[in-house]
Every structure is written in structure tokens, then in C-alpha cells.
Amino acid sequence: MKKQLILFTLLIFALNSYAQESELNWLTDFELAKQEAKAQDKPILMYFTGSDWCAPCKKLKADFFNSEKFAKASSNVVLLMIDLPRRSGIITPAQKRKNMLLMQRYNRRGSFPALVGLNFEGKILKELNGYNAQRDTSKHFEFIVDIVKQN
């Protein structure tokens, strides 16, 4: 009975995480994100991640991106995910080339995770690199407020 309860709890947790993630409209195409930002008069929240290897990225995803508070705040921005995984098959080789070019332009330090706020023309409004060991997301929420004000 204990095993069934544990499996049931894990299933509920996994489905809840998937449901929250699926509600967010993460784009992966920079040009499309700029078009959406212009049409909706919103800034772009560009997120650099190493989805399969970056431990701080995984923690930020769990603490920040998968939160209800972020789901609400995300309605004020166009979401753009720039994933640079190490394993093949997660993104296409063509997408990886595009992401590397964006990394060279918008994340020259090579920091993961990194957030970059942009206007619809691709001009940088603000940058935030890393995620702290205390798992405090307050700076990340302030970041969103600041780029919305600057847009």
C-alpha cells in the first residue's frame, strides 16, 4: 500500500509540473519573438538554459518558471527559451546553431541560467545572470517588473 501511495503522489506531482509548464508559451524562434513583442507591445524575456546539464537552471525552473506567480507575471512578456543542451536529440542541429549565434550576441559571458530582457527590436533592456544557492527568486520577479517598465 505504501508503494502505491508513493507512486500516486509522484504521478500527481509530475502531472502538476507538466500542466504548469504546458500553460506557458515558450517560443524558440528569435524573429518570431520579436514579431510577437511588437504586435503585443511587450518586452521579450529571453532565457538561456542548459536544460539537460545545468543544475542551477533546473532549480530555477522548479522554483521560478513553474510557479503560479511566474505564470501570472509571464502574461506581461513574450517568452523566448534559448536551450543549449549537451545531449543530442533535445533540439535540432539547426536550432542549436541559431541558439549559439544568440548566445554570442546576448550571453557573451556564457552564464547559465541567464535572463535577458529585450525590446521588440532586440535591444537589451536588462540582464540577470545565475541563480543563488538560497533559491531566492525575488530578483527574478523584480527583473520582469523592470523590463516591463522599460519597454
Protein backbone atom coordinates (compact mmCIF):
# COMPACT_ATOMS: atom_id res chain seq x y z
CA MET A 1 0.00 0.00 0.00
CA LYS A 2 2.86 2.38 0.81
CA LYS A 3 4.39 1.90 -2.65
CA GLN A 4 1.07 2.65 -4.32
CA LEU A 5 0.65 5.82 -2.30
CA ILE A 6 4.18 6.96 -3.15
CA LEU A 7 3.66 6.23 -6.86
CA PHE A 8 0.32 8.05 -6.81
CA THR A 9 1.91 11.09 -5.13
CA LEU A 10 4.74 11.14 -7.67
CA LEU A 11 2.25 10.87 -10.54
CA ILE A 12 0.23 13.81 -9.22
CA PHE A 13 3.40 15.89 -8.81
CA ALA A 14 4.58 15.06 -12.35
CA LEU A 15 1.21 15.89 -13.88
CA ASN A 16 1.03 19.17 -11.96
CA SER A 17 4.51 20.17 -13.16
CA TYR A 18 3.62 19.28 -16.74
CA ALA A 19 0.34 21.19 -16.58
CA GLN A 20 2.05 24.36 -15.31
CA GLU A 21 4.79 24.12 -17.93
CA SER A 22 2.39 23.48 -20.78
CA GLU A 23 0.44 26.66 -19.98
CA LEU A 24 3.47 28.82 -20.73
CA ASN A 25 4.02 29.75 -24.36
CA TRP A 26 7.80 29.47 -24.72
CA LEU A 27 8.95 30.44 -28.20
CA THR A 28 12.25 29.20 -29.58
CA ASP A 29 12.49 31.42 -32.66
CA PHE A 30 14.02 34.87 -32.08
CA GLU A 31 12.44 36.52 -35.12
CA LEU A 32 9.00 35.25 -34.17
CA ALA A 33 9.52 36.51 -30.61
CA LYS A 34 10.39 39.99 -31.93
CA GLN A 35 7.25 39.98 -34.10
CA GLU A 36 5.10 38.92 -31.14
CA ALA A 37 6.70 41.56 -28.91
CA LYS A 38 6.00 44.28 -31.44
CA ALA A 39 2.41 43.15 -32.08
CA GLN A 40 1.62 42.83 -28.36
CA ASP A 41 3.72 45.81 -27.23
CA LYS A 42 5.57 43.64 -24.70
CA PRO A 43 9.23 43.07 -23.91
CA ILE A 44 10.92 39.74 -24.60
CA LEU A 45 12.13 37.60 -21.70
CA MET A 46 14.99 35.61 -23.20
CA TYR A 47 16.04 32.65 -21.05
CA PHE A 48 19.38 30.90 -21.64
CA THR A 49 19.39 27.38 -20.24
CA GLY A 50 21.27 24.14 -20.46
CA SER A 51 18.17 22.04 -19.86
CA ASP A 52 19.91 18.68 -19.55
CA TRP A 53 23.09 19.61 -17.65
CA CYS A 54 22.75 22.92 -15.78
CA ALA A 55 21.80 22.26 -12.14
CA PRO A 56 21.01 25.94 -11.34
CA CYS A 57 18.82 26.06 -14.49
CA LYS A 58 16.83 23.07 -13.25
CA LYS A 59 16.42 24.67 -9.81
CA LEU A 60 15.34 27.99 -11.35
CA LYS A 61 12.81 26.14 -13.49
CA ALA A 62 11.35 24.42 -10.43
CA ASP A 63 11.36 27.49 -8.17
CA PHE A 64 10.60 30.29 -10.60
CA PHE A 65 9.30 29.23 -14.01
CA ASN A 66 6.98 26.52 -12.65
CA SER A 67 5.43 28.82 -10.05
CA GLU A 68 1.93 30.23 -10.26
CA LYS A 69 3.37 33.69 -9.62
CA PHE A 70 5.52 33.38 -12.75
CA ALA A 71 2.58 32.09 -14.78
CA LYS A 72 0.76 35.32 -13.92
CA ALA A 73 3.80 37.56 -14.49
CA SER A 74 4.58 35.90 -17.83
CA SER A 75 1.47 37.42 -19.37
CA ASN A 76 3.37 40.73 -19.47
CA VAL A 77 6.25 39.41 -21.60
CA VAL A 78 6.99 37.32 -24.66
CA LEU A 79 8.81 34.18 -23.53
CA LEU A 80 11.84 33.05 -25.53
CA MET A 81 13.84 29.99 -24.45
CA ILE A 82 17.38 29.54 -25.75
CA ASP A 83 18.35 26.00 -24.83
CA LEU A 84 21.91 24.74 -25.25
CA PRO A 85 21.74 21.11 -24.14
CA ARG A 86 24.74 18.80 -24.27
CA ARG A 87 22.85 15.69 -25.36
CA SER A 88 21.84 15.37 -28.97
CA GLY A 89 18.21 14.93 -29.89
CA ILE A 90 16.83 17.53 -27.50
CA ILE A 91 16.93 20.28 -30.12
CA THR A 92 17.70 20.09 -33.82
CA PRO A 93 21.19 20.90 -35.15
CA ALA A 94 19.68 23.92 -36.95
CA GLN A 95 18.14 25.19 -33.70
CA LYS A 96 21.43 24.65 -31.89
CA ARG A 97 23.25 26.81 -34.48
CA LYS A 98 20.65 29.57 -34.06
CA ASN A 99 20.93 29.35 -30.28
CA MET A 100 24.73 29.54 -30.41
CA LEU A 101 24.52 32.72 -32.51
CA LEU A 102 22.10 34.24 -29.99
CA MET A 103 24.45 33.21 -27.20
CA GLN A 104 27.34 35.03 -28.89
CA ARG A 105 25.25 38.17 -29.18
CA TYR A 106 23.22 38.21 -25.94
CA ASN A 107 25.09 35.99 -23.46
CA ARG A 108 28.77 36.60 -24.13
CA ARG A 109 29.75 35.57 -20.60
CA GLY A 110 28.34 32.12 -21.24
CA SER A 111 26.42 32.26 -17.97
CA PHE A 112 23.68 29.74 -17.17
CA PRO A 113 20.97 30.40 -16.31
CA ALA A 114 20.76 33.86 -17.80
CA LEU A 115 17.80 36.17 -18.38
CA VAL A 116 17.92 38.97 -20.91
CA GLY A 117 15.13 41.50 -21.32
CA LEU A 118 14.79 42.88 -24.85
CA ASN A 119 12.53 45.23 -26.70
CA PHE A 120 10.93 44.20 -30.00
CA GLU A 121 13.97 45.44 -31.93
CA GLY A 122 16.31 43.18 -29.97
CA LYS A 123 17.82 45.98 -27.87
CA ILE A 124 18.90 44.82 -24.40
CA LEU A 125 16.86 46.38 -21.60
CA LYS A 126 18.36 44.44 -18.70
CA GLU A 127 20.35 41.28 -17.87
CA LEU A 128 20.37 38.88 -14.92
CA ASN A 129 22.85 36.02 -14.63
CA GLY A 130 22.87 32.96 -12.38
CA TYR A 131 20.72 31.67 -9.57
CA ASN A 132 21.65 31.80 -5.90
CA ALA A 133 22.12 28.85 -3.54
CA GLN A 134 19.36 30.19 -1.27
CA ARG A 135 16.93 29.66 -4.16
CA ASP A 136 15.57 33.20 -3.76
CA THR A 137 13.56 34.24 -6.83
CA SER A 138 12.83 37.81 -5.73
CA LYS A 139 15.46 39.29 -8.09
CA HIS A 140 13.94 37.35 -10.98
CA PHE A 141 10.48 38.76 -10.33
CA GLU A 142 11.96 42.27 -9.98
CA PHE A 143 13.67 41.68 -13.33
CA ILE A 144 10.33 41.08 -15.04
CA VAL A 145 8.80 44.19 -13.45
CA ASP A 146 11.80 46.28 -14.56
CA ILE A 147 11.77 45.16 -18.21
CA VAL A 148 8.01 45.72 -18.45
CA LYS A 149 8.52 49.29 -17.14
CA GLN A 150 11.39 49.94 -19.55
CA ASN A 151 9.60 48.65 -22.63
